[in-house]
Amino acid sequence: MYCVFWMYPDEKWGGLRPCCQLEPELMAAVKLCETLRSDPEVRFVTMTMEDPNNVGKMGVADVGPDYNWTKRRVIATGRKKANDDNPS
């Protein structure tokens, strides 16, 4: 199932009115997005999906014990630091 969201100008809402439409097929949802984006009045067109055939659990899983990622900061030799030009 795919859901297309967009905002449309509406004075009764005091600006932009939120809208959405469900589409069962991906290509129908993409076509709707293309149609909405071609309208200069429409704003914030986006699409989200829920795949019933999703593999695995929903959400974020814990990493395994062998996962060893670290963020390293590498500074090139001879490169000035940001505050080297400012005497204290």
Protein backbone atom coordinates (compact mmCIF):
# COMPACT_ATOMS: atom_id res chain seq x y z
CA MET A 1 0.00 0.00 0.00
CA TYR A 2 1.31 3.44 -0.94
CA CYS A 3 0.13 6.76 0.46
CA VAL A 4 0.69 10.04 -1.38
CA PHE A 5 0.61 13.22 0.72
CA TRP A 6 0.42 16.81 -0.52
CA MET A 7 -0.65 20.29 0.55
CA TYR A 8 -3.12 22.38 -1.43
CA PRO A 9 -4.00 26.08 -0.96
CA ASP A 10 -7.36 26.52 0.76
CA GLU A 11 -8.56 29.78 2.33
CA LYS A 12 -10.97 27.93 4.63
CA TRP A 13 -7.98 26.20 6.24
CA GLY A 14 -6.10 29.48 6.55
CA GLY A 15 -3.39 28.56 4.09
CA LEU A 16 -2.54 25.04 3.03
CA ARG A 17 -4.85 22.06 3.41
CA PRO A 18 -3.26 18.61 3.94
CA CYS A 19 -4.43 15.88 1.56
CA CYS A 20 -3.64 12.22 1.05
CA GLN A 21 -4.64 9.34 -1.19
CA LEU A 22 -4.00 5.61 -0.89
CA GLU A 23 -2.80 3.68 -3.94
CA PRO A 24 -2.43 -0.12 -3.99
CA GLU A 25 0.18 -0.14 -6.79
CA LEU A 26 3.58 1.60 -6.95
CA MET A 27 3.22 2.86 -10.51
CA ALA A 28 -0.18 4.40 -9.76
CA ALA A 29 1.34 6.21 -6.76
CA VAL A 30 4.30 7.47 -8.82
CA LYS A 31 1.94 8.67 -11.57
CA LEU A 32 -0.16 10.53 -8.98
CA CYS A 33 2.98 12.19 -7.59
CA GLU A 34 4.01 13.27 -11.10
CA THR A 35 0.54 14.70 -11.77
CA LEU A 36 0.49 16.59 -8.47
CA ARG A 37 4.02 17.96 -8.97
CA SER A 38 3.04 19.33 -12.38
CA ASP A 39 0.37 21.50 -10.71
CA PRO A 40 1.97 24.83 -9.60
CA GLU A 41 -0.60 25.20 -6.79
CA VAL A 42 0.31 21.94 -5.04
CA ARG A 43 3.08 21.91 -2.40
CA PHE A 44 5.02 19.30 -0.43
CA VAL A 45 4.28 16.20 -2.53
CA THR A 46 5.68 13.05 -0.94
CA MET A 47 4.97 9.34 -0.86
CA THR A 48 5.36 6.64 1.75
CA MET A 49 4.77 2.92 1.67
CA GLU A 50 4.08 -0.07 3.83
CA ASP A 51 5.27 -3.27 2.21
CA PRO A 52 3.24 -6.26 3.42
CA ASN A 53 5.98 -8.55 2.06
CA ASN A 54 8.68 -6.89 4.15
CA VAL A 55 11.51 -9.17 5.23
CA GLY A 56 12.46 -9.03 8.90
CA LYS A 57 11.08 -7.16 11.88
CA MET A 58 9.92 -3.55 11.74
CA GLY A 59 12.26 -0.97 13.27
CA VAL A 60 15.95 -1.02 14.04
CA ALA A 61 17.68 -4.22 15.14
CA ASP A 62 20.63 -4.54 17.49
CA VAL A 63 23.98 -5.14 15.86
CA GLY A 64 25.79 -8.43 16.27
CA PRO A 65 28.78 -8.91 18.60
CA ASP A 66 31.20 -8.98 15.65
CA TYR A 67 30.14 -5.53 14.40
CA ASN A 68 32.98 -3.09 15.09
CA TRP A 69 32.33 0.32 13.51
CA THR A 70 34.04 3.45 14.79
CA LYS A 71 34.11 7.02 13.58
CA ARG A 72 37.64 8.25 13.15
CA ARG A 73 38.72 11.78 12.53
CA VAL A 74 41.69 12.05 10.22
CA ILE A 75 43.52 15.38 9.94
CA ALA A 76 45.96 15.79 7.08
CA THR A 77 49.55 16.69 7.97
CA GLY A 78 50.23 20.43 7.83
CA ARG A 79 46.55 21.40 7.91
CA LYS A 80 45.75 24.39 10.11
CA LYS A 81 43.20 24.18 12.85
CA ALA A 82 40.28 26.63 12.70
CA ASN A 83 41.53 28.79 15.58
CA ASP A 84 45.25 28.95 14.55
CA ASP A 85 44.71 32.36 12.88
CA ASN A 86 43.14 33.88 16.01
CA PRO A 87 45.78 34.74 18.64
CA SER A 88 44.52 34.48 22.21
